[in-house]
PDB file of N, CA and C in Angstrom:
ATOM      1  N   MET A   1      14.247   7.966 -10.770  1.00  0.00           N
ATOM      2  CA  MET A   1      13.358   7.972  -9.620  1.00  0.00           C
ATOM      3  C   MET A   1      13.759   6.912  -8.603  1.00  0.00           C
ATOM      4  N   ILE A   2      14.280   5.789  -9.045  1.00  0.00           N
ATOM      5  CA  ILE A   2      14.612   4.697  -8.128  1.00  0.00           C
ATOM      6  C   ILE A   2      15.684   5.126  -7.135  1.00  0.00           C
ATOM      7  N   ALA A   3      16.712   5.825  -7.604  1.00  0.00           N
ATOM      8  CA  ALA A   3      17.805   6.241  -6.727  1.00  0.00           C
ATOM      9  C   ALA A   3      17.353   7.252  -5.679  1.00  0.00           C
ATOM     10  N   ALA A   4      16.235   7.922  -5.908  1.00  0.00           N
ATOM     11  CA  ALA A   4      15.749   8.944  -4.982  1.00  0.00           C
ATOM     12  C   ALA A   4      14.475   8.529  -4.249  1.00  0.00           C
ATOM     13  N   MET A   5      14.086   7.247  -4.317  1.00  0.00           N
ATOM     14  CA  MET A   5      12.760   6.879  -3.807  1.00  0.00           C
ATOM     15  C   MET A   5      12.617   6.943  -2.288  1.00  0.00           C
ATOM     16  N   ASP A   6      13.670   6.853  -1.509  1.00  0.00           N
ATOM     17  CA  ASP A   6      13.640   7.038  -0.053  1.00  0.00           C
ATOM     18  C   ASP A   6      12.444   6.340   0.614  1.00  0.00           C
ATOM     19  N   PRO A   7      12.401   5.007   0.602  1.00  0.00           N
ATOM     20  CA  PRO A   7      11.256   4.295   1.183  1.00  0.00           C
ATOM     21  C   PRO A   7      11.182   4.463   2.702  1.00  0.00           C
ATOM     22  N   GLN A   8       9.995   4.761   3.195  1.00  0.00           N
ATOM     23  CA  GLN A   8       9.760   4.942   4.630  1.00  0.00           C
ATOM     24  C   GLN A   8       8.570   4.088   5.062  1.00  0.00           C
ATOM     25  N   LEU A   9       8.758   3.324   6.131  1.00  0.00           N
ATOM     26  CA  LEU A   9       7.687   2.484   6.670  1.00  0.00           C
ATOM     27  C   LEU A   9       6.801   3.325   7.582  1.00  0.00           C
ATOM     28  N   LEU A  10       5.526   3.408   7.248  1.00  0.00           N
ATOM     29  CA  LEU A  10       4.588   4.167   8.067  1.00  0.00           C
ATOM     30  C   LEU A  10       4.209   3.370   9.312  1.00  0.00           C
ATOM     31  N   PRO A  11       3.875   4.065  10.390  1.00  0.00           N
ATOM     32  CA  PRO A  11       3.409   3.344  11.581  1.00  0.00           C
ATOM     33  C   PRO A  11       2.013   2.766  11.343  1.00  0.00           C
ATOM     34  N   GLY A  12       1.686   1.740  12.068  1.00  0.00           N
ATOM     35  CA  GLY A  12       0.347   1.177  12.018  1.00  0.00           C
ATOM     36  C   GLY A  12       0.177   0.083  10.985  1.00  0.00           C
ATOM     37  N   ARG A  13      -0.990  -0.555  11.073  1.00  0.00           N
ATOM     38  CA  ARG A  13      -1.352  -1.637  10.163  1.00  0.00           C
ATOM     39  C   ARG A  13      -2.648  -1.253   9.469  1.00  0.00           C
ATOM     40  N   PHE A  14      -2.792  -1.721   8.239  1.00  0.00           N
ATOM     41  CA  PHE A  14      -3.929  -1.353   7.410  1.00  0.00           C
ATOM     42  C   PHE A  14      -4.578  -2.601   6.828  1.00  0.00           C
ATOM     43  N   VAL A  15      -5.864  -2.483   6.492  1.00  0.00           N
ATOM     44  CA  VAL A  15      -6.577  -3.566   5.821  1.00  0.00           C
ATOM     45  C   VAL A  15      -7.341  -2.986   4.633  1.00  0.00           C
ATOM     46  N   PHE A  16      -7.506  -3.821   3.607  1.00  0.00           N
ATOM     47  CA  PHE A  16      -8.316  -3.481   2.445  1.00  0.00           C
ATOM     48  C   PHE A  16      -9.675  -4.142   2.650  1.00  0.00           C
ATOM     49  N   VAL A  17     -10.745  -3.363   2.605  1.00  0.00           N
ATOM     50  CA  VAL A  17     -12.093  -3.903   2.799  1.00  0.00           C
ATOM     51  C   VAL A  17     -13.035  -3.302   1.757  1.00  0.00           C
ATOM     52  N   THR A  18     -14.131  -3.991   1.510  1.00  0.00           N
ATOM     53  CA  THR A  18     -15.197  -3.459   0.671  1.00  0.00           C
ATOM     54  C   THR A  18     -16.379  -3.181   1.577  1.00  0.00           C
ATOM     55  N   VAL A  19     -16.962  -2.000   1.440  1.00  0.00           N
ATOM     56  CA  VAL A  19     -18.061  -1.608   2.321  1.00  0.00           C
ATOM     57  C   VAL A  19     -19.303  -1.299   1.502  1.00  0.00           C
ATOM     58  N   GLY A  20     -20.426  -1.385   2.175  1.00  0.00           N
ATOM     59  CA  GLY A  20     -21.707  -1.080   1.546  1.00  0.00           C
ATOM     60  C   GLY A  20     -22.410   0.011   2.320  1.00  0.00           C
ATOM     61  N   ASP A  21     -23.305  -0.398   3.233  1.00  0.00           N
ATOM     62  CA  ASP A  21     -24.136   0.545   3.974  1.00  0.00           C
ATOM     63  C   ASP A  21     -23.338   1.485   4.871  1.00  0.00           C
ATOM     64  N   ASP A  22     -22.176   1.042   5.363  1.00  0.00           N
ATOM     65  CA  ASP A  22     -21.406   1.880   6.281  1.00  0.00           C
ATOM     66  C   ASP A  22     -20.374   2.748   5.560  1.00  0.00           C
ATOM     67  N   ALA A  23     -20.509   2.881   4.250  1.00  0.00           N
ATOM     68  CA  ALA A  23     -19.541   3.660   3.469  1.00  0.00           C
ATOM     69  C   ALA A  23     -19.471   5.108   3.936  1.00  0.00           C
ATOM     70  N   ALA A  24     -20.613   5.710   4.230  1.00  0.00           N
ATOM     71  CA  ALA A  24     -20.624   7.116   4.634  1.00  0.00           C
ATOM     72  C   ALA A  24     -19.882   7.328   5.947  1.00  0.00           C
ATOM     73  N   THR A  25     -19.953   6.357   6.841  1.00  0.00           N
ATOM     74  CA  THR A  25     -19.276   6.458   8.130  1.00  0.00           C
ATOM     75  C   THR A  25     -17.786   6.198   8.002  1.00  0.00           C
ATOM     76  N   LEU A  26     -17.415   5.225   7.178  1.00  0.00           N
ATOM     77  CA  LEU A  26     -16.016   4.806   7.099  1.00  0.00           C
ATOM     78  C   LEU A  26     -15.181   5.588   6.090  1.00  0.00           C
ATOM     79  N   SER A  27     -15.796   6.115   5.045  1.00  0.00           N
ATOM     80  CA  SER A  27     -15.031   6.802   3.997  1.00  0.00           C
ATOM     81  C   SER A  27     -14.132   7.918   4.519  1.00  0.00           C
ATOM     82  N   PRO A  28     -14.598   8.761   5.452  1.00  0.00           N
ATOM     83  CA  PRO A  28     -13.715   9.821   5.951  1.00  0.00           C
ATOM     84  C   PRO A  28     -12.489   9.287   6.701  1.00  0.00           C
ATOM     85  N   LEU A  29     -12.545   8.055   7.167  1.00  0.00           N
ATOM     86  CA  LEU A  29     -11.429   7.453   7.900  1.00  0.00           C
ATOM     87  C   LEU A  29     -10.416   6.788   6.975  1.00  0.00           C
ATOM     88  N   ALA A  30     -10.777   6.624   5.717  1.00  0.00           N
ATOM     89  CA  ALA A  30      -9.961   5.839   4.786  1.00  0.00           C
ATOM     90  C   ALA A  30      -8.678   6.556   4.387  1.00  0.00           C
ATOM     91  N   LEU A  31      -7.608   5.776   4.315  1.00  0.00           N
ATOM     92  CA  LEU A  31      -6.347   6.260   3.769  1.00  0.00           C
ATOM     93  C   LEU A  31      -6.463   6.361   2.250  1.00  0.00           C
ATOM     94  N   GLY A  32      -7.271   5.493   1.663  1.00  0.00           N
ATOM     95  CA  GLY A  32      -7.498   5.508   0.225  1.00  0.00           C
ATOM     96  C   GLY A  32      -8.781   4.778  -0.107  1.00  0.00           C
ATOM     97  N   SER A  33      -9.281   5.013  -1.318  1.00  0.00           N
ATOM     98  CA  SER A  33     -10.518   4.348  -1.731  1.00  0.00           C
ATOM     99  C   SER A  33     -10.534   4.173  -3.240  1.00  0.00           C
ATOM    100  N   PHE A  34     -11.343   3.208  -3.662  1.00  0.00           N
ATOM    101  CA  PHE A  34     -11.549   2.982  -5.093  1.00  0.00           C
ATOM    102  C   PHE A  34     -12.919   2.350  -5.274  1.00  0.00           C
ATOM    103  N   ARG A  35     -13.723   2.935  -6.172  1.00  0.00           N
ATOM    104  CA  ARG A  35     -15.050   2.389  -6.431  1.00  0.00           C
ATOM    105  C   ARG A  35     -14.912   1.264  -7.453  1.00  0.00           C
ATOM    106  N   GLU A  36     -15.337   0.063  -7.040  1.00  0.00           N
ATOM    107  CA  GLU A  36     -15.274  -1.114  -7.903  1.00  0.00           C
ATOM    108  C   GLU A  36     -16.686  -1.630  -8.137  1.00  0.00           C
ATOM    109  N   THR A  37     -16.832  -2.540  -9.074  1.00  0.00           N
ATOM    110  CA  THR A  37     -18.133  -3.118  -9.376  1.00  0.00           C
ATOM    111  C   THR A  37     -18.758  -3.737  -8.130  1.00  0.00           C
ATOM    112  N   GLU A  38     -17.921  -4.353  -7.289  1.00  0.00           N
ATOM    113  CA  GLU A  38     -18.414  -5.061  -6.098  1.00  0.00           C
ATOM    114  C   GLU A  38     -18.751  -4.131  -4.940  1.00  0.00           C
ATOM    115  N   GLY A  39     -18.353  -2.879  -5.009  1.00  0.00           N
ATOM    116  CA  GLY A  39     -18.619  -1.934  -3.933  1.00  0.00           C
ATOM    117  C   GLY A  39     -17.459  -0.969  -3.770  1.00  0.00           C
ATOM    118  N   LEU A  40     -17.502  -0.208  -2.701  1.00  0.00           N
ATOM    119  CA  LEU A  40     -16.453   0.764  -2.413  1.00  0.00           C
ATOM    120  C   LEU A  40     -15.350   0.080  -1.615  1.00  0.00           C
ATOM    121  N   SER A  41     -14.169   0.002  -2.207  1.00  0.00           N
ATOM    122  CA  SER A  41     -13.020  -0.578  -1.509  1.00  0.00           C
ATOM    123  C   SER A  41     -12.291   0.532  -0.770  1.00  0.00           C
ATOM    124  N   LEU A  42     -11.980   0.276   0.491  1.00  0.00           N
ATOM    125  CA  LEU A  42     -11.289   1.255   1.327  1.00  0.00           C
ATOM    126  C   LEU A  42     -10.014   0.657   1.887  1.00  0.00           C
ATOM    127  N   ILE A  43      -9.026   1.506   2.080  1.00  0.00           N
ATOM    128  CA  ILE A  43      -7.831   1.141   2.837  1.00  0.00           C
ATOM    129  C   ILE A  43      -7.991   1.838   4.178  1.00  0.00           C
ATOM    130  N   LEU A  44      -8.152   1.038   5.223  1.00  0.00           N
ATOM    131  CA  LEU A  44      -8.414   1.570   6.559  1.00  0.00           C
ATOM    132  C   LEU A  44      -7.331   1.153   7.534  1.00  0.00           C
ATOM    133  N   ALA A  45      -7.107   1.985   8.536  1.00  0.00           N
ATOM    134  CA  ALA A  45      -6.300   1.541   9.662  1.00  0.00           C
ATOM    135  C   ALA A  45      -6.998   0.318  10.238  1.00  0.00           C
ATOM    136  N   GLU A  46      -6.229  -0.658  10.651  1.00  0.00           N
ATOM    137  CA  GLU A  46      -6.816  -1.907  11.155  1.00  0.00           C
ATOM    138  C   GLU A  46      -7.839  -1.633  12.258  1.00  0.00           C
ATOM    139  N   ALA A  47      -7.559  -0.664  13.112  1.00  0.00           N
ATOM    140  CA  ALA A  47      -8.455  -0.345  14.225  1.00  0.00           C
ATOM    141  C   ALA A  47      -9.780   0.258  13.752  1.00  0.00           C
ATOM    142  N   ASP A  48      -9.805   0.846  12.558  1.00  0.00           N
ATOM    143  CA  ASP A  48     -11.021   1.467  12.035  1.00  0.00           C
ATOM    144  C   ASP A  48     -11.880   0.522  11.201  1.00  0.00           C
ATOM    145  N   ALA A  49     -11.382  -0.664  10.917  1.00  0.00           N
ATOM    146  CA  ALA A  49     -12.119  -1.613  10.081  1.00  0.00           C
ATOM    147  C   ALA A  49     -13.363  -2.096  10.819  1.00  0.00           C
ATOM    148  N   PRO A  50     -14.462  -2.260  10.103  1.00  0.00           N
ATOM    149  CA  PRO A  50     -15.674  -2.757  10.753  1.00  0.00           C
ATOM    150  C   PRO A  50     -15.474  -4.183  11.261  1.00  0.00           C
ATOM    151  N   ALA A  51     -16.190  -4.516  12.315  1.00  0.00           N
ATOM    152  CA  ALA A  51     -16.056  -5.840  12.931  1.00  0.00           C
ATOM    153  C   ALA A  51     -16.395  -6.951  11.949  1.00  0.00           C
ATOM    154  N   ASP A  52     -17.286  -6.663  11.007  1.00  0.00           N
ATOM    155  CA  ASP A  52     -17.688  -7.694  10.046  1.00  0.00           C
ATOM    156  C   ASP A  52     -16.876  -7.626   8.747  1.00  0.00           C
ATOM    157  N   ALA A  53     -15.699  -7.015   8.810  1.00  0.00           N
ATOM    158  CA  ALA A  53     -14.835  -6.924   7.623  1.00  0.00           C
ATOM    159  C   ALA A  53     -14.488  -8.323   7.139  1.00  0.00           C
ATOM    160  N   ASP A  54     -14.140  -8.398   5.867  1.00  0.00           N
ATOM    161  CA  ASP A  54     -13.773  -9.688   5.283  1.00  0.00           C
ATOM    162  C   ASP A  54     -12.834 -10.456   6.199  1.00  0.00           C
ATOM    163  N   ALA A  55     -13.149 -11.718   6.420  1.00  0.00           N
ATOM    164  CA  ALA A  55     -12.289 -12.558   7.256  1.00  0.00           C
ATOM    165  C   ALA A  55     -10.894 -12.660   6.657  1.00  0.00           C
ATOM    166  N   GLY A  56     -10.804 -12.472   5.345  1.00  0.00           N
ATOM    167  CA  GLY A  56      -9.515 -12.568   4.674  1.00  0.00           C
ATOM    168  C   GLY A  56      -8.766 -11.252   4.597  1.00  0.00           C
ATOM    169  N   ALA A  57      -9.232 -10.233   5.305  1.00  0.00           N
ATOM    170  CA  ALA A  57      -8.564  -8.933   5.268  1.00  0.00           C
ATOM    171  C   ALA A  57      -7.192  -9.058   5.932  1.00  0.00           C
ATOM    172  N   MET A  58      -6.176  -9.119   5.106  1.00  0.00           N
ATOM    173  CA  MET A  58      -4.811  -9.324   5.584  1.00  0.00           C
ATOM    174  C   MET A  58      -4.254  -8.020   6.151  1.00  0.00           C
ATOM    175  N   PRO A  59      -3.736  -8.035   7.380  1.00  0.00           N
ATOM    176  CA  PRO A  59      -3.096  -6.831   7.919  1.00  0.00           C
ATOM    177  C   PRO A  59      -1.863  -6.484   7.088  1.00  0.00           C
ATOM    178  N   MET A  60      -1.800  -5.239   6.657  1.00  0.00           N
ATOM    179  CA  MET A  60      -0.719  -4.776   5.796  1.00  0.00           C
ATOM    180  C   MET A  60       0.014  -3.619   6.474  1.00  0.00           C
ATOM    181  N   ARG A  61       1.249  -3.419   6.060  1.00  0.00           N
ATOM    182  CA  ARG A  61       2.002  -2.219   6.437  1.00  0.00           C
ATOM    183  C   ARG A  61       2.210  -1.422   5.161  1.00  0.00           C
ATOM    184  N   CYS A  62       2.390  -0.133   5.315  1.00  0.00           N
ATOM    185  CA  CYS A  62       2.551   0.747   4.163  1.00  0.00           C
ATOM    186  C   CYS A  62       3.959   1.330   4.128  1.00  0.00           C
ATOM    187  N   ILE A  63       4.609   1.182   2.989  1.00  0.00           N
ATOM    188  CA  ILE A  63       5.911   1.802   2.744  1.00  0.00           C
ATOM    189  C   ILE A  63       5.683   2.888   1.700  1.00  0.00           C
ATOM    190  N   THR A  64       5.924   4.135   2.090  1.00  0.00           N
ATOM    191  CA  THR A  64       5.781   5.250   1.162  1.00  0.00           C
ATOM    192  C   THR A  64       7.108   5.505   0.469  1.00  0.00           C
ATOM    193  N   LEU A  65       7.044   5.666  -0.840  1.00  0.00           N
ATOM    194  CA  LEU A  65       8.224   6.029  -1.622  1.00  0.00           C
ATOM    195  C   LEU A  65       8.221   7.553  -1.713  1.00  0.00           C
ATOM    196  N   ASN A  66       9.166   8.175  -1.027  1.00  0.00           N
ATOM    197  CA  ASN A  66       9.144   9.625  -0.863  1.00  0.00           C
ATOM    198  C   ASN A  66       9.698  10.416  -2.038  1.00  0.00           C
ATOM    199  N   VAL A  67       9.862   9.780  -3.169  1.00  0.00           N
ATOM    200  CA  VAL A  67      10.213  10.504  -4.382  1.00  0.00           C
ATOM    201  C   VAL A  67       8.905  10.996  -5.009  1.00  0.00           C
ATOM    202  N   HIS A  68       8.934  12.192  -5.594  1.00  0.00           N
ATOM    203  CA  HIS A  68       7.741  12.673  -6.300  1.00  0.00           C
ATOM    204  C   HIS A  68       7.613  11.847  -7.574  1.00  0.00           C
ATOM    205  N   SER A  69       6.611  10.997  -7.618  1.00  0.00           N
ATOM    206  CA  SER A  69       6.436  10.104  -8.769  1.00  0.00           C
ATOM    207  C   SER A  69       5.441  10.723  -9.740  1.00  0.00           C
ATOM    208  N   ALA A  70       5.953  11.186 -10.848  1.00  0.00           N
ATOM    209  CA  ALA A  70       5.114  11.803 -11.870  1.00  0.00           C
ATOM    210  C   ALA A  70       4.111  10.788 -12.401  1.00  0.00           C
ATOM    211  N   LEU A  71       2.929  11.259 -12.704  1.00  0.00           N
ATOM    212  CA  LEU A  71       1.892  10.363 -13.213  1.00  0.00           C
ATOM    213  C   LEU A  71       2.284   9.741 -14.545  1.00  0.00           C
ATOM    214  N   ASP A  72       3.183  10.390 -15.280  1.00  0.00           N
ATOM    215  CA  ASP A  72       3.638   9.826 -16.548  1.00  0.00           C
ATOM    216  C   ASP A  72       5.015   9.171 -16.435  1.00  0.00           C
ATOM    217  N   GLY A  73       5.482   8.969 -15.200  1.00  0.00           N
ATOM    218  CA  GLY A  73       6.770   8.302 -14.983  1.00  0.00           C
ATOM    219  C   GLY A  73       6.694   6.840 -15.407  1.00  0.00           C
ATOM    220  N   VAL A  74       7.809   6.320 -15.876  1.00  0.00           N
ATOM    221  CA  VAL A  74       7.849   4.943 -16.372  1.00  0.00           C
ATOM    222  C   VAL A  74       8.876   4.134 -15.589  1.00  0.00           C
ATOM    223  N   GLY A  75       8.479   2.968 -15.099  1.00  0.00           N
ATOM    224  CA  GLY A  75       9.425   2.011 -14.556  1.00  0.00           C
ATOM    225  C   GLY A  75       9.496   1.858 -13.056  1.00  0.00           C
ATOM    226  N   LEU A  76       9.045   2.849 -12.289  1.00  0.00           N
ATOM    227  CA  LEU A  76       9.170   2.756 -10.834  1.00  0.00           C
ATOM    228  C   LEU A  76       8.339   1.594 -10.283  1.00  0.00           C
ATOM    229  N   THR A  77       7.088   1.520 -10.672  1.00  0.00           N
ATOM    230  CA  THR A  77       6.216   0.447 -10.181  1.00  0.00           C
ATOM    231  C   THR A  77       6.759  -0.921 -10.576  1.00  0.00           C
ATOM    232  N   ALA A  78       7.218  -1.048 -11.804  1.00  0.00           N
ATOM    233  CA  ALA A  78       7.759  -2.327 -12.280  1.00  0.00           C
ATOM    234  C   ALA A  78       9.010  -2.718 -11.503  1.00  0.00           C
ATOM    235  N   ALA A  79       9.901  -1.768 -11.251  1.00  0.00           N
ATOM    236  CA  ALA A  79      11.134  -2.068 -10.521  1.00  0.00           C
ATOM    237  C   ALA A  79      10.841  -2.479  -9.083  1.00  0.00           C
ATOM    238  N   VAL A  80       9.937  -1.757  -8.438  1.00  0.00           N
ATOM    239  CA  VAL A  80       9.589  -2.053  -7.045  1.00  0.00           C
ATOM    240  C   VAL A  80       8.895  -3.405  -6.943  1.00  0.00           C
ATOM    241  N   SER A  81       7.883  -3.630  -7.765  1.00  0.00           N
ATOM    242  CA  SER A  81       7.160  -4.903  -7.685  1.00  0.00           C
ATOM    243  C   SER A  81       8.063  -6.065  -8.076  1.00  0.00           C
ATOM    244  N   GLY A  82       8.946  -5.855  -9.042  1.00  0.00           N
ATOM    245  CA  GLY A  82       9.878  -6.909  -9.452  1.00  0.00           C
ATOM    246  C   GLY A  82      10.845  -7.291  -8.349  1.00  0.00           C
ATOM    247  N   ALA A  83      11.415  -6.286  -7.675  1.00  0.00           N
ATOM    248  CA  ALA A  83      12.361  -6.558  -6.582  1.00  0.00           C
ATOM    249  C   ALA A  83      11.673  -7.309  -5.443  1.00  0.00           C
ATOM    250  N   LEU A  84      10.455  -6.919  -5.120  1.00  0.00           N
ATOM    251  CA  LEU A  84       9.723  -7.600  -4.047  1.00  0.00           C
ATOM    252  C   LEU A  84       9.314  -9.009  -4.477  1.00  0.00           C
ATOM    253  N   ALA A  85       8.897  -9.170  -5.715  1.00  0.00           N
ATOM    254  CA  ALA A  85       8.502 -10.490  -6.219  1.00  0.00           C
ATOM    255  C   ALA A  85       9.670 -11.467  -6.187  1.00  0.00           C
ATOM    256  N   GLU A  86      10.870 -10.994  -6.493  1.00  0.00           N
ATOM    257  CA  GLU A  86      12.054 -11.862  -6.442  1.00  0.00           C
ATOM    258  C   GLU A  86      12.285 -12.429  -5.046  1.00  0.00           C
ATOM    259  N   CYS A  87      11.791 -11.734  -4.031  1.00  0.00           N
ATOM    260  CA  CYS A  87      11.934 -12.187  -2.640  1.00  0.00           C
ATOM    261  C   CYS A  87      10.637 -12.789  -2.104  1.00  0.00           C
ATOM    262  N   ASP A  88       9.701 -13.094  -3.001  1.00  0.00           N
ATOM    263  CA  ASP A  88       8.401 -13.674  -2.635  1.00  0.00           C
ATOM    264  C   ASP A  88       7.625 -12.815  -1.641  1.00  0.00           C
ATOM    265  N   ILE A  89       7.690 -11.504  -1.814  1.00  0.00           N
ATOM    266  CA  ILE A  89       6.947 -10.577  -0.960  1.00  0.00           C
ATOM    267  C   ILE A  89       5.782 -10.013  -1.775  1.00  0.00           C
ATOM    268  N   PRO A  90       4.544 -10.339  -1.389  1.00  0.00           N
ATOM    269  CA  PRO A  90       3.389  -9.773  -2.082  1.00  0.00           C
ATOM    270  C   PRO A  90       3.341  -8.259  -1.873  1.00  0.00           C
ATOM    271  N   ALA A  91       2.870  -7.542  -2.871  1.00  0.00           N
ATOM    272  CA  ALA A  91       2.774  -6.090  -2.755  1.00  0.00           C
ATOM    273  C   ALA A  91       1.542  -5.580  -3.482  1.00  0.00           C
ATOM    274  N   ASN A  92       0.885  -4.624  -2.872  1.00  0.00           N
ATOM    275  CA  ASN A  92      -0.218  -3.909  -3.493  1.00  0.00           C
ATOM    276  C   ASN A  92       0.235  -2.460  -3.565  1.00  0.00           C
ATOM    277  N   ILE A  93       0.506  -1.975  -4.770  1.00  0.00           N
ATOM    278  CA  ILE A  93       1.058  -0.635  -4.944  1.00  0.00           C
ATOM    279  C   ILE A  93      -0.059   0.329  -5.319  1.00  0.00           C
ATOM    280  N   VAL A  94      -0.165   1.395  -4.539  1.00  0.00           N
ATOM    281  CA  VAL A  94      -1.156   2.432  -4.782  1.00  0.00           C
ATOM    282  C   VAL A  94      -0.414   3.692  -5.214  1.00  0.00           C
ATOM    283  N   ALA A  95      -0.707   4.141  -6.412  1.00  0.00           N
ATOM    284  CA  ALA A  95      -0.094   5.370  -6.911  1.00  0.00           C
ATOM    285  C   ALA A  95      -1.031   6.533  -6.616  1.00  0.00           C
ATOM    286  N   ALA A  96      -0.547   7.482  -5.838  1.00  0.00           N
ATOM    287  CA  ALA A  96      -1.313   8.691  -5.565  1.00  0.00           C
ATOM    288  C   ALA A  96      -0.700   9.837  -6.375  1.00  0.00           C
ATOM    289  N   TYR A  97      -1.155  11.046  -6.155  1.00  0.00           N
ATOM    290  CA  TYR A  97      -0.695  12.166  -6.974  1.00  0.00           C
ATOM    291  C   TYR A  97       0.785  12.470  -6.761  1.00  0.00           C
ATOM    292  N   HIS A  98       1.236  12.477  -5.507  1.00  0.00           N
ATOM    293  CA  HIS A  98       2.615  12.851  -5.206  1.00  0.00           C
ATOM    294  C   HIS A  98       3.556  11.664  -5.017  1.00  0.00           C
ATOM    295  N   HIS A  99       3.057  10.579  -4.454  1.00  0.00           N
ATOM    296  CA  HIS A  99       3.926   9.462  -4.092  1.00  0.00           C
ATOM    297  C   HIS A  99       3.246   8.131  -4.379  1.00  0.00           C
ATOM    298  N   ASP A 100       4.063   7.088  -4.450  1.00  0.00           N
ATOM    299  CA  ASP A 100       3.554   5.721  -4.521  1.00  0.00           C
ATOM    300  C   ASP A 100       3.644   5.116  -3.126  1.00  0.00           C
ATOM    301  N   HIS A 101       2.703   4.242  -2.816  1.00  0.00           N
ATOM    302  CA  HIS A 101       2.613   3.624  -1.496  1.00  0.00           C
ATOM    303  C   HIS A 101       2.529   2.117  -1.699  1.00  0.00           C
ATOM    304  N   VAL A 102       3.421   1.393  -1.057  1.00  0.00           N
ATOM    305  CA  VAL A 102       3.541  -0.049  -1.252  1.00  0.00           C
ATOM    306  C   VAL A 102       3.014  -0.744   0.000  1.00  0.00           C
ATOM    307  N   PHE A 103       1.921  -1.481  -0.150  1.00  0.00           N
ATOM    308  CA  PHE A 103       1.343  -2.223   0.967  1.00  0.00           C
ATOM    309  C   PHE A 103       1.844  -3.660   0.898  1.00  0.00           C
ATOM    310  N   VAL A 104       2.417  -4.117   2.001  1.00  0.00           N
ATOM    311  CA  VAL A 104       2.972  -5.471   2.087  1.00  0.00           C
ATOM    312  C   VAL A 104       2.416  -6.144   3.334  1.00  0.00           C
ATOM    313  N   PRO A 105       2.376  -7.488   3.369  1.00  0.00           N
ATOM    314  CA  PRO A 105       1.908  -8.168   4.573  1.00  0.00           C
ATOM    315  C   PRO A 105       2.689  -7.684   5.798  1.00  0.00           C
ATOM    316  N   ALA A 106       1.970  -7.453   6.896  1.00  0.00           N
ATOM    317  CA  ALA A 106       2.578  -6.864   8.091  1.00  0.00           C
ATOM    318  C   ALA A 106       3.830  -7.612   8.542  1.00  0.00           C
ATOM    319  N   GLY A 107       3.809  -8.925   8.490  1.00  0.00           N
ATOM    320  CA  GLY A 107       4.947  -9.718   8.949  1.00  0.00           C
ATOM    321  C   GLY A 107       6.156  -9.670   8.033  1.00  0.00           C
ATOM    322  N   MET A 108       6.003  -9.067   6.858  1.00  0.00           N
ATOM    323  CA  MET A 108       7.105  -8.997   5.889  1.00  0.00           C
ATOM    324  C   MET A 108       7.588  -7.561   5.669  1.00  0.00           C
ATOM    325  N   ALA A 109       7.092  -6.627   6.458  1.00  0.00           N
ATOM    326  CA  ALA A 109       7.376  -5.211   6.222  1.00  0.00           C
ATOM    327  C   ALA A 109       8.855  -4.871   6.355  1.00  0.00           C
ATOM    328  N   ASP A 110       9.515  -5.381   7.377  1.00  0.00           N
ATOM    329  CA  ASP A 110      10.937  -5.061   7.557  1.00  0.00           C
ATOM    330  C   ASP A 110      11.772  -5.616   6.410  1.00  0.00           C
ATOM    331  N   GLU A 111      11.457  -6.829   5.982  1.00  0.00           N
ATOM    332  CA  GLU A 111      12.172  -7.426   4.856  1.00  0.00           C
ATOM    333  C   GLU A 111      11.919  -6.626   3.575  1.00  0.00           C
ATOM    334  N   ALA A 112      10.677  -6.216   3.361  1.00  0.00           N
ATOM    335  CA  ALA A 112      10.340  -5.432   2.174  1.00  0.00           C
ATOM    336  C   ALA A 112      11.076  -4.097   2.175  1.00  0.00           C
ATOM    337  N   LEU A 113      11.142  -3.456   3.329  1.00  0.00           N
ATOM    338  CA  LEU A 113      11.854  -2.182   3.428  1.00  0.00           C
ATOM    339  C   LEU A 113      13.329  -2.366   3.086  1.00  0.00           C
ATOM    340  N   ALA A 114      13.930  -3.437   3.571  1.00  0.00           N
ATOM    341  CA  ALA A 114      15.341  -3.717   3.264  1.00  0.00           C
ATOM    342  C   ALA A 114      15.538  -3.948   1.767  1.00  0.00           C
ATOM    343  N   VAL A 115      14.617  -4.668   1.138  1.00  0.00           N
ATOM    344  CA  VAL A 115      14.700  -4.920  -0.306  1.00  0.00           C
ATOM    345  C   VAL A 115      14.635  -3.601  -1.073  1.00  0.00           C
ATOM    346  N   LEU A 116      13.726  -2.721  -0.676  1.00  0.00           N
ATOM    347  CA  LEU A 116      13.572  -1.451  -1.386  1.00  0.00           C
ATOM    348  C   LEU A 116      14.767  -0.532  -1.166  1.00  0.00           C
ATOM    349  N   ARG A 117      15.327  -0.559   0.019  1.00  0.00           N
ATOM    350  CA  ARG A 117      16.532   0.250   0.265  1.00  0.00           C
ATOM    351  C   ARG A 117      17.713  -0.268  -0.553  1.00  0.00           C
ATOM    352  N   LYS A 118      17.799  -1.575  -0.704  1.00  0.00           N
ATOM    353  CA  LYS A 118      18.861  -2.159  -1.538  1.00  0.00           C
ATOM    354  C   LYS A 118      18.649  -1.770  -2.999  1.00  0.00           C
ATOM    355  N   LEU A 119      17.405  -1.811  -3.461  1.00  0.00           N
ATOM    356  CA  LEU A 119      17.089  -1.395  -4.824  1.00  0.00           C
ATOM    357  C   LEU A 119      17.489   0.063  -5.035  1.00  0.00           C
ATOM    358  N   GLN A 120      17.182   0.903  -4.069  1.00  0.00           N
ATOM    359  CA  GLN A 120      17.525   2.318  -4.168  1.00  0.00           C
ATOM    360  C   GLN A 120      19.040   2.520  -4.257  1.00  0.00           C
ATOM    361  N   ALA A 121      19.786   1.752  -3.476  1.00  0.00           N
ATOM    362  CA  ALA A 121      21.245   1.890  -3.451  1.00  0.00           C
ATOM    363  C   ALA A 121      21.883   1.437  -4.761  1.00  0.00           C
ATOM    364  N   GLY A 122      21.135   0.635  -5.525  1.00  0.00           N
ATOM    365  CA  GLY A 122      21.630   0.186  -6.826  1.00  0.00           C
ATOM    366  C   GLY A 122      22.474  -1.006  -6.716  1.00  0.00           C
TER     367      GLY A 122
END
């Protein structure tokens, strides 16, 4: 899977936020969501985030790995997170049904993309 991952940087910036009362309004706008004990966590385009979003909501960029990542696949997440960690690049990896999506700090997106392309090249 690593040799075929074809990482692509998506346009735009995203933030991870937890919402309460405005969940019904914001959920349809979310790129992704996860229900946690503390509330509904959403991945939103930065422009769609509520004004009172967490002050610590770090703007992120999303790199999609365009290989079909099987839910029972082994090693892709570890290889990607390991390569980024070696370069001190934080990553939040979201595994969806068809692809994995790597969220990195906006200011480190180009460097992260280069690291992943190097990993792919072997």
